[in-house]
């Protein structure tokens, strides 16, 4: 298996023009032709000498993006044109249009705003890394993945997105009163934990003023704050009516409702666990800092699996982990060998996580460590752990206790079954054959022997 590399997503914005076709498929064919031209320009002439080859890019065009290997990294470049979104909405393909706009426009705008803030506050970049590490080691972070070549926007269906974490940290710097903005990464991490632990998220909407880093340095007006609060309240009501509750609203000038990065994938249960972990970390770190020790604070960055029932251990190795950079050593190979050995955008852990949820999602919840990619935590669902009536549609992974029951009228009814945990544990390892090294049942797990 080749080296799995996480690509850096890049967006190329093209000016809208009447020369663009008025058909979605024609626009995509034209974009594919542009990808081919860009790949040819980047590849250039085949270099014969090894030193010259290291300075060249290796580009490969796909129907919906161009993949570029160079400078020690893997880049995935896509074209953004607002006309395609308008055409999709005219064809009443609103979900597809919203997903495209979120992935290729709003995500790029969000990244630019956070980058500007990181330049204004020097410690923010490292504080972000600490906060994201905390969410990953506690199985709170959404596992980044690509679906049909398109990056997942707004989080998947499994956790807290990176954009949401960035907005929480940005609030600690832009609205630090009555304190000064954090001057060190450790202070920024503590403010992040305190924000999670002290805010009443059920009634409060967090308003993040990203305009602080603008060129004129202007701030949001009081009218803009009121508009964000009203929009967040409407978003919560809409989420309750659609049976998709929004656990937290992170409002910005560009997203007054505050649900762009939290309405997909962040469940109230997971958000409640994040708040509870933050409160424990703040209490534990406060006692340690009062004694002049920082060890309790760093201990909050250690993985804790005692809250789960089962832990699936994955094999370690460079071919199975998400790698941020390729390194200069990788480019000493020839172009053909380089393209054959790299699997850009493929995440074996996410693929295994998706298959586990499809096969056993009725009986358990699954989360993966998105940072180390070496552990999947499993939590049995309590409403299915006690068993229930026999159902042909859900007979798989169950064990019969009573084959049939005789009712008061003498009719024979369905039997009673309980989940077959042992078979499912074996199925976890069989489903991840070659990737799973061990399946460990933790003490106190709800497992029927």
Protein backbone atom coordinates (compact mmCIF):
# COMPACT_ATOMS: atom_id res chain seq x y z
CA UNK A 1 0.00 0.00 0.00
CA UNK A 2 1.32 3.43 -0.89
CA UNK A 3 1.75 6.47 1.32
CA UNK A 4 -1.60 8.15 2.10
CA UNK A 5 -1.19 11.90 1.91
CA UNK A 6 -3.74 14.51 2.95
CA UNK A 7 -3.91 17.14 0.18
CA UNK A 8 -3.95 20.90 0.67
CA UNK A 9 -7.12 22.20 -0.98
CA UNK A 10 -6.72 25.27 -3.18
CA UNK A 11 -9.39 27.30 -4.97
CA UNK A 12 -8.91 29.19 -8.25
CA UNK A 13 -11.58 31.88 -8.69
CA UNK A 14 -12.42 32.72 -12.29
CA UNK A 15 -14.21 35.87 -13.31
CA UNK A 16 -17.80 35.47 -14.37
CA UNK A 17 -18.34 36.14 -18.06
CA UNK A 18 -21.05 35.79 -20.67
CA UNK A 19 -18.74 33.42 -22.55
CA UNK A 20 -19.34 30.72 -19.98
CA UNK A 21 -22.01 28.25 -21.15
CA UNK A 22 -25.48 28.23 -19.60
CA UNK A 23 -25.45 24.49 -18.99
CA UNK A 24 -23.99 22.91 -15.86
CA UNK A 25 -22.50 19.89 -17.62
CA UNK A 26 -20.97 22.08 -20.31
CA UNK A 27 -19.39 24.27 -17.62
CA UNK A 28 -17.89 21.24 -15.95
CA UNK A 29 -16.50 19.95 -19.25
CA UNK A 30 -14.92 23.35 -19.83
CA UNK A 31 -13.44 23.31 -16.33
CA UNK A 32 -12.01 19.84 -17.03
CA UNK A 33 -10.35 21.23 -20.16
CA UNK A 34 -8.83 24.03 -18.07
CA UNK A 35 -7.48 21.44 -15.63
CA UNK A 36 -5.76 19.69 -18.54
CA UNK A 37 -4.17 22.94 -19.71
CA UNK A 38 -3.00 23.77 -16.20
CA UNK A 39 -1.50 20.29 -15.78
CA UNK A 40 0.40 20.58 -19.05
CA UNK A 41 1.80 23.97 -18.02
CA UNK A 42 2.92 22.72 -14.62
CA UNK A 43 4.49 19.51 -15.91
CA UNK A 44 6.51 21.24 -18.61
CA UNK A 45 9.32 19.34 -20.22
CA UNK A 46 10.51 16.09 -18.72
CA UNK A 47 13.65 16.82 -16.72
CA UNK A 48 16.46 14.35 -17.10
CA UNK A 49 18.70 15.38 -14.23
CA UNK A 50 17.70 14.55 -10.67
CA UNK A 51 18.39 18.05 -9.34
CA UNK A 52 16.23 19.62 -11.99
CA UNK A 53 13.48 17.10 -11.39
CA UNK A 54 13.22 18.20 -7.76
CA UNK A 55 12.25 21.70 -8.87
CA UNK A 56 9.47 20.48 -11.16
CA UNK A 57 5.85 19.97 -10.30
CA UNK A 58 4.04 16.72 -10.94
CA UNK A 59 0.50 17.55 -12.02
CA UNK A 60 -2.33 15.26 -13.01
CA UNK A 61 -5.73 16.42 -14.23
CA UNK A 62 -9.02 14.88 -13.13
CA UNK A 63 -12.56 15.75 -14.26
CA UNK A 64 -13.23 17.88 -11.18
CA UNK A 65 -9.78 18.98 -9.97
CA UNK A 66 -6.06 18.99 -10.65
CA UNK A 67 -3.63 17.20 -8.38
CA UNK A 68 -0.22 18.81 -7.97
CA UNK A 69 2.80 17.35 -6.19
CA UNK A 70 5.53 19.84 -5.46
CA UNK A 71 7.49 21.71 -2.81
CA UNK A 72 7.16 18.69 -0.55
CA UNK A 73 3.33 18.76 -0.46
CA UNK A 74 0.31 17.51 -2.34
CA UNK A 75 -2.13 20.15 -3.59
CA UNK A 76 -5.65 19.67 -4.93
CA UNK A 77 -6.78 22.63 -7.02
CA UNK A 78 -10.41 23.32 -7.98
CA UNK A 79 -12.10 26.05 -9.98
CA UNK A 80 -14.79 28.22 -8.45
CA UNK A 81 -17.33 30.03 -10.60
CA UNK A 82 -20.50 31.46 -9.12
CA UNK A 83 -22.40 30.86 -12.36
CA UNK A 84 -22.39 27.10 -11.72
CA UNK A 85 -24.17 27.60 -8.39
CA UNK A 86 -26.76 29.87 -9.97
CA UNK A 87 -27.47 27.33 -12.71
CA UNK A 88 -27.85 24.52 -10.17
CA UNK A 89 -30.38 26.55 -8.21
CA UNK A 90 -32.30 27.38 -11.37
CA UNK A 91 -32.53 23.63 -12.01
CA UNK A 92 -33.90 23.17 -8.46
CA UNK A 93 -30.78 21.30 -7.36
CA UNK A 94 -30.44 23.35 -4.20
CA UNK A 95 -28.67 20.77 -1.96
CA UNK A 96 -25.97 20.28 -4.58
CA UNK A 97 -25.61 24.03 -5.08
CA UNK A 98 -25.36 24.69 -1.33
CA UNK A 99 -22.73 21.98 -0.88
CA UNK A 100 -20.68 23.34 -3.78
CA UNK A 101 -20.86 26.91 -2.50
CA UNK A 102 -19.94 25.82 1.01
CA UNK A 103 -16.92 23.79 -0.10
CA UNK A 104 -15.47 26.15 -2.69
CA UNK A 105 -16.51 29.63 -1.58
CA UNK A 106 -17.45 29.89 2.09
CA UNK A 107 -14.65 27.59 3.21
CA UNK A 108 -12.08 29.66 1.31
CA UNK A 109 -13.46 32.91 2.75
CA UNK A 110 -13.35 31.43 6.25
CA UNK A 111 -9.74 30.30 5.79
CA UNK A 112 -8.72 33.78 4.61
CA UNK A 113 -10.37 35.43 7.63
CA UNK A 114 -8.74 33.06 10.13
CA UNK A 115 -5.36 33.51 8.42
CA UNK A 116 -5.68 37.30 8.76
CA UNK A 117 -6.46 36.93 12.47
CA UNK A 118 -3.46 34.63 12.93
CA UNK A 119 -1.23 37.35 11.47
CA UNK A 120 -2.73 39.93 13.84
CA UNK A 121 -2.35 37.73 16.93
CA UNK A 122 1.00 35.86 16.80
CA UNK A 123 0.08 33.19 19.37
CA UNK A 124 -3.20 32.22 17.70
CA UNK A 125 -1.69 29.75 15.23
CA UNK A 126 -0.06 27.57 17.88
CA UNK A 127 -3.10 27.89 20.15
CA UNK A 128 -5.24 26.55 17.31
CA UNK A 129 -2.99 23.52 17.01
CA UNK A 130 -3.34 22.79 20.73
CA UNK A 131 -7.12 23.13 20.59
CA UNK A 132 -7.43 20.91 17.54
CA UNK A 133 -5.16 18.34 19.18
CA UNK A 134 -7.44 18.38 22.24
CA UNK A 135 -10.54 17.72 20.14
CA UNK A 136 -8.80 14.90 18.25
CA UNK A 137 -7.42 12.97 21.22
CA UNK A 138 -10.86 13.05 22.87
CA UNK A 139 -12.60 11.78 19.70
CA UNK A 140 -14.52 15.03 19.22
CA UNK A 141 -13.13 16.15 15.86
CA UNK A 142 -14.77 15.36 12.57
CA UNK A 143 -12.61 13.05 10.48
CA UNK A 144 -11.62 14.97 7.35
CA UNK A 145 -12.26 13.06 4.16
CA UNK A 146 -13.08 13.49 0.53
CA UNK A 147 -16.24 12.28 -1.11
CA UNK A 148 -15.97 11.79 -4.87
CA UNK A 149 -13.04 14.16 -4.95
CA UNK A 150 -14.89 16.99 -3.22
CA UNK A 151 -13.74 18.02 0.27
CA UNK A 152 -16.27 17.68 2.99
CA UNK A 153 -17.50 21.10 4.07
CA UNK A 154 -18.94 22.01 7.39
CA UNK A 155 -17.95 18.81 9.04
CA UNK A 156 -19.18 15.40 8.14
CA UNK A 157 -21.63 13.46 10.21
CA UNK A 158 -19.28 12.57 13.01
CA UNK A 159 -17.99 15.49 15.06
CA UNK A 160 -16.76 19.03 15.50
CA UNK A 161 -15.40 20.54 12.30
CA UNK A 162 -12.08 22.37 12.12
CA UNK A 163 -13.90 25.55 11.11
CA UNK A 164 -15.98 25.47 14.29
CA UNK A 165 -12.86 25.05 16.44
CA UNK A 166 -11.23 27.97 14.63
CA UNK A 167 -14.23 30.21 15.31
CA UNK A 168 -14.19 29.31 19.01
CA UNK A 169 -10.49 30.16 19.26
CA UNK A 170 -10.98 33.33 17.22
CA UNK A 171 -13.59 34.51 19.74
CA UNK A 172 -11.04 34.12 22.54
CA UNK A 173 -8.81 36.64 20.74
CA UNK A 174 -11.32 39.08 19.25
CA UNK A 175 -13.60 39.30 22.33
CA UNK A 176 -11.12 38.86 25.16
CA UNK A 177 -12.52 41.59 27.44
CA UNK A 178 -12.17 42.15 30.34
CA UNK A 179 -8.79 40.51 29.72
CA UNK A 180 -6.16 41.18 27.10
CA UNK A 181 -5.91 38.83 24.11
CA UNK A 182 -3.86 35.71 24.94
CA UNK A 183 -0.18 36.39 24.53
CA UNK A 184 0.95 32.75 24.54
CA UNK A 185 -0.41 29.57 22.92
CA UNK A 186 -0.96 28.05 26.37
CA UNK A 187 -3.08 31.02 27.43
CA UNK A 188 -5.09 30.73 24.22
CA UNK A 189 -5.70 27.03 24.90
CA UNK A 190 -6.87 27.80 28.45
CA UNK A 191 -9.23 30.52 27.19
CA UNK A 192 -10.67 28.01 24.71
CA UNK A 193 -11.37 25.48 27.47
CA UNK A 194 -12.83 28.19 29.72
CA UNK A 195 -15.10 29.38 26.89
CA UNK A 196 -16.45 25.86 26.39
CA UNK A 197 -16.89 25.27 30.11
CA UNK A 198 -18.45 28.59 31.18
CA UNK A 199 -20.88 29.48 28.36
CA UNK A 200 -24.55 28.55 28.53
CA UNK A 201 -24.77 27.09 25.04
CA UNK A 202 -28.46 26.21 25.23
CA UNK A 203 -29.56 29.84 25.25
CA UNK A 204 -26.51 31.79 24.06
CA UNK A 205 -25.25 32.31 20.54
CA UNK A 206 -21.53 32.98 20.24
CA UNK A 207 -20.88 35.99 17.98
CA UNK A 208 -17.39 36.07 16.47
CA UNK A 209 -16.26 39.39 15.01
CA UNK A 210 -13.93 38.35 12.19
CA UNK A 211 -13.80 41.93 10.86
CA UNK A 212 -11.20 42.80 13.52
CA UNK A 213 -8.44 41.69 11.15
CA UNK A 214 -9.75 43.78 8.24
CA UNK A 215 -7.61 46.56 6.76
CA UNK A 216 -9.62 49.37 8.37
CA UNK A 217 -9.87 47.50 11.70
CA UNK A 218 -13.60 48.20 12.01
CA UNK A 219 -15.77 46.18 14.38
CA UNK A 220 -19.31 44.90 14.17
CA UNK A 221 -21.99 47.41 15.11
CA UNK A 222 -24.59 46.84 17.82
CA UNK A 223 -27.19 46.47 15.06
CA UNK A 224 -25.14 43.67 13.49
CA UNK A 225 -24.97 41.92 16.87
CA UNK A 226 -28.75 42.07 17.26
CA UNK A 227 -29.24 40.72 13.74
CA UNK A 228 -26.95 37.78 14.53
CA UNK A 229 -28.84 37.00 17.73
CA UNK A 230 -32.20 37.08 15.93
CA UNK A 231 -30.89 34.92 13.09
CA UNK A 232 -29.44 32.40 15.54
CA UNK A 233 -32.77 32.16 17.36
CA UNK A 234 -34.55 31.50 14.08
CA UNK A 235 -31.97 28.84 13.17
CA UNK A 236 -32.52 27.06 16.48
CA UNK A 237 -36.28 27.09 15.96
CA UNK A 238 -35.89 25.76 12.42
CA UNK A 239 -33.59 23.01 13.67
CA UNK A 240 -36.09 21.98 16.34
CA UNK A 241 -38.93 21.79 13.84
CA UNK A 242 -36.89 19.68 11.42
CA UNK A 243 -35.79 17.34 14.25
CA UNK A 244 -32.17 18.31 13.66
CA UNK A 245 -31.34 20.34 16.76
CA UNK A 246 -28.45 22.78 16.57
CA UNK A 247 -26.35 22.44 19.76
CA UNK A 248 -24.37 25.65 19.20
CA UNK A 249 -24.58 28.75 16.98
CA UNK A 250 -21.28 30.37 15.95
CA UNK A 251 -22.34 33.63 14.32
CA UNK A 252 -20.12 35.74 12.06
CA UNK A 253 -20.84 38.72 9.79
CA UNK A 254 -20.92 36.31 6.84
CA UNK A 255 -23.05 33.69 8.65
CA UNK A 256 -25.52 35.47 10.90
CA UNK A 257 -27.43 32.28 11.71
CA UNK A 258 -24.26 30.64 13.01
CA UNK A 259 -25.07 27.11 11.82
CA UNK A 260 -22.93 26.89 8.71
CA UNK A 261 -20.22 24.82 10.42
CA UNK A 262 -22.30 23.14 13.13
CA UNK A 263 -25.61 22.00 11.63
CA UNK A 264 -24.07 18.98 9.85
CA UNK A 265 -22.59 16.32 12.06
CA UNK A 266 -22.37 17.98 15.47
CA UNK A 267 -24.91 16.22 17.69
CA UNK A 268 -26.08 17.55 21.06
CA UNK A 269 -24.63 14.47 22.73
CA UNK A 270 -21.16 15.05 21.28
CA UNK A 271 -21.26 18.77 22.08
CA UNK A 272 -22.35 18.00 25.64
CA UNK A 273 -19.40 15.66 26.02
CA UNK A 274 -17.04 18.37 24.75
CA UNK A 275 -18.38 20.82 27.34
CA UNK A 276 -18.08 18.23 30.13
CA UNK A 277 -14.48 17.41 29.18
CA UNK A 278 -13.62 21.12 29.06
CA UNK A 279 -15.04 21.63 32.56
CA UNK A 280 -12.99 18.73 33.90
CA UNK A 281 -9.85 20.07 32.21
CA UNK A 282 -10.37 23.61 33.56
CA UNK A 283 -10.95 22.34 37.10
CA UNK A 284 -7.98 19.97 36.99
CA UNK A 285 -5.65 22.52 35.39
CA UNK A 286 -6.76 25.26 37.80
CA UNK A 287 -5.73 23.22 40.81
CA UNK A 288 -2.38 22.47 39.21
CA UNK A 289 -1.65 26.05 38.19
CA UNK A 290 -2.52 27.23 41.70
CA UNK A 291 0.40 25.09 42.88
CA UNK A 292 2.65 26.42 40.13
CA UNK A 293 2.53 23.25 38.02
CA UNK A 294 1.61 22.96 34.33
CA UNK A 295 1.61 19.16 34.20
CA UNK A 296 -2.17 18.87 34.84
CA UNK A 297 -2.83 21.14 31.87
CA UNK A 298 -0.72 19.03 29.53
CA UNK A 299 -2.43 15.94 30.91
CA UNK A 300 -5.67 17.18 29.35
CA UNK A 301 -4.08 16.56 25.94
CA UNK A 302 -3.68 12.86 26.68
CA UNK A 303 -6.15 10.40 25.21
CA UNK A 304 -8.88 9.09 27.52
CA UNK A 305 -10.80 6.01 26.42
CA UNK A 306 -12.42 5.08 29.72
CA UNK A 307 -15.73 6.62 28.58
CA UNK A 308 -16.15 4.04 25.82
CA UNK A 309 -16.95 0.34 25.68
CA UNK A 310 -14.59 -0.94 22.98
CA UNK A 311 -11.39 0.35 21.41
CA UNK A 312 -10.28 -0.77 17.95
CA UNK A 313 -6.50 -0.52 17.63
CA UNK A 314 -5.17 0.14 14.14
CA UNK A 315 -1.81 -0.79 12.73
CA UNK A 316 0.80 1.93 12.88
CA UNK A 317 2.97 2.75 9.92
CA UNK A 318 3.65 5.52 7.46
CA UNK A 319 1.41 3.90 4.84
CA UNK A 320 -1.64 4.06 7.10
CA UNK A 321 -1.27 7.46 8.71
CA UNK A 322 -2.28 10.88 7.47
CA UNK A 323 0.89 12.73 6.53
CA UNK A 324 0.98 16.51 6.30
CA UNK A 325 4.11 16.83 4.21
CA UNK A 326 5.88 14.54 1.79
CA UNK A 327 9.38 15.81 2.44
CA UNK A 328 12.10 16.43 -0.08
CA UNK A 329 13.21 12.80 0.06
CA UNK A 330 10.01 11.68 -1.69
CA UNK A 331 10.85 13.75 -4.76
CA UNK A 332 14.12 11.98 -5.39
CA UNK A 333 12.14 9.26 -7.15
CA UNK A 334 11.15 9.45 -10.75
CA UNK A 335 7.77 10.95 -11.66
CA UNK A 336 6.24 7.60 -12.51
CA UNK A 337 7.31 6.01 -9.24
CA UNK A 338 6.14 9.04 -7.28
CA UNK A 339 2.66 8.98 -8.77
CA UNK A 340 2.36 5.23 -8.23
CA UNK A 341 3.47 5.28 -4.58
CA UNK A 342 1.28 8.15 -3.35
CA UNK A 343 -2.43 7.87 -2.58
CA UNK A 344 -3.53 11.48 -2.37
CA UNK A 345 -6.73 12.13 -0.44
CA UNK A 346 -7.29 8.50 0.58
CA UNK A 347 -7.92 7.92 4.29
CA UNK A 348 -8.05 4.21 5.18
CA UNK A 349 -9.23 5.06 8.70
CA UNK A 350 -12.17 7.08 7.40
CA UNK A 351 -13.13 4.34 4.97
CA UNK A 352 -13.11 1.80 7.80
CA UNK A 353 -15.09 4.18 9.99
CA UNK A 354 -17.72 4.62 7.28
CA UNK A 355 -18.06 0.87 6.76
CA UNK A 356 -18.36 0.22 10.50
CA UNK A 357 -21.17 2.76 10.77
CA UNK A 358 -22.97 1.26 7.81
CA UNK A 359 -22.72 -2.28 9.16
CA UNK A 360 -23.15 -1.73 12.91
CA UNK A 361 -24.58 1.78 13.27
CA UNK A 362 -27.82 0.35 14.65
CA UNK A 363 -26.04 -0.97 17.73
CA UNK A 364 -23.04 1.30 18.33
CA UNK A 365 -21.49 4.71 17.75
CA UNK A 366 -17.99 5.00 16.29
CA UNK A 367 -15.41 7.79 16.50
CA UNK A 368 -11.83 7.94 15.25
CA UNK A 369 -8.79 9.87 16.38
CA UNK A 370 -8.45 12.22 13.41
CA UNK A 371 -4.93 13.27 14.42
CA UNK A 372 -3.05 10.02 15.04
CA UNK A 373 -5.40 7.80 12.97
CA UNK A 374 -4.56 4.78 15.12
CA UNK A 375 -7.67 4.27 17.27
CA UNK A 376 -11.42 3.94 16.79
CA UNK A 377 -13.61 4.20 19.90
CA UNK A 378 -16.92 2.34 20.13
CA UNK A 379 -19.90 3.07 22.37
CA UNK A 380 -22.82 0.64 22.49
CA UNK A 381 -26.23 2.28 22.12
CA UNK A 382 -28.16 1.67 25.37
CA UNK A 383 -31.62 1.39 23.79
CA UNK A 384 -30.47 -1.62 21.75
CA UNK A 385 -28.20 -3.23 24.33
CA UNK A 386 -31.11 -4.69 26.29
CA UNK A 387 -32.60 -6.48 23.26
CA UNK A 388 -36.07 -6.47 21.77
CA UNK A 389 -38.59 -8.30 19.65
CA UNK A 390 -37.41 -10.43 16.74
CA UNK A 391 -37.41 -8.56 13.44
CA UNK A 392 -36.50 -10.16 10.15
CA UNK A 393 -35.13 -6.87 8.83
CA UNK A 394 -32.77 -6.52 11.81
CA UNK A 395 -32.06 -10.15 12.65
CA UNK A 396 -28.39 -9.80 11.75
CA UNK A 397 -25.98 -9.45 14.69
CA UNK A 398 -28.60 -10.67 17.18
CA UNK A 399 -28.89 -13.76 19.36
CA UNK A 400 -32.32 -15.36 20.08
CA UNK A 401 -33.32 -15.88 23.68
CA UNK A 402 -36.91 -16.91 22.93
CA UNK A 403 -37.75 -18.35 19.52
CA UNK A 404 -41.49 -17.71 19.75
CA UNK A 405 -44.08 -16.64 22.25
CA UNK A 406 -47.71 -17.79 22.63
CA UNK A 407 -50.15 -14.94 23.19
CA UNK A 408 -53.38 -14.96 25.19
CA UNK A 409 -55.41 -15.91 22.12
CA UNK A 410 -53.19 -18.88 21.39
CA UNK A 411 -51.40 -17.18 18.49
CA UNK A 412 -47.68 -17.67 18.13
CA UNK A 413 -45.82 -14.33 18.07
CA UNK A 414 -42.27 -13.23 17.43
CA UNK A 415 -39.41 -14.15 19.71
CA UNK A 416 -37.04 -12.07 21.79
CA UNK A 417 -33.46 -11.34 20.72
CA UNK A 418 -30.47 -9.57 22.20
CA UNK A 419 -27.45 -8.10 20.38
CA UNK A 420 -24.71 -10.62 19.71
CA UNK A 421 -21.79 -8.53 20.91
CA UNK A 422 -19.20 -11.27 20.49
CA UNK A 423 -20.09 -11.72 16.81
CA UNK A 424 -19.94 -7.97 16.28
CA UNK A 425 -16.51 -7.76 17.93
CA UNK A 426 -15.28 -10.43 15.52
CA UNK A 427 -16.94 -8.53 12.70
CA UNK A 428 -15.02 -5.36 13.58
CA UNK A 429 -11.73 -7.14 13.03
CA UNK A 430 -12.93 -8.97 9.94
CA UNK A 431 -14.22 -5.75 8.36
CA UNK A 432 -10.88 -4.03 8.96
CA UNK A 433 -8.69 -6.98 7.99
CA UNK A 434 -5.19 -5.76 7.26
CA UNK A 435 -5.78 -2.48 9.10
CA UNK A 436 -7.04 -3.56 12.53
CA UNK A 437 -4.45 -4.95 14.89
CA UNK A 438 -6.59 -5.57 17.96
CA UNK A 439 -10.12 -5.13 19.34
CA UNK A 440 -10.07 -4.39 23.07
CA UNK A 441 -13.13 -4.56 25.34
CA UNK A 442 -12.67 -2.01 28.11
CA UNK A 443 -13.55 -2.72 31.77
CA UNK A 444 -17.17 -2.00 32.56
CA UNK A 445 -18.34 -2.35 28.96
CA UNK A 446 -21.94 -3.38 28.37
CA UNK A 447 -21.22 -6.68 26.65
CA UNK A 448 -23.29 -9.86 26.90
CA UNK A 449 -20.97 -12.81 27.37
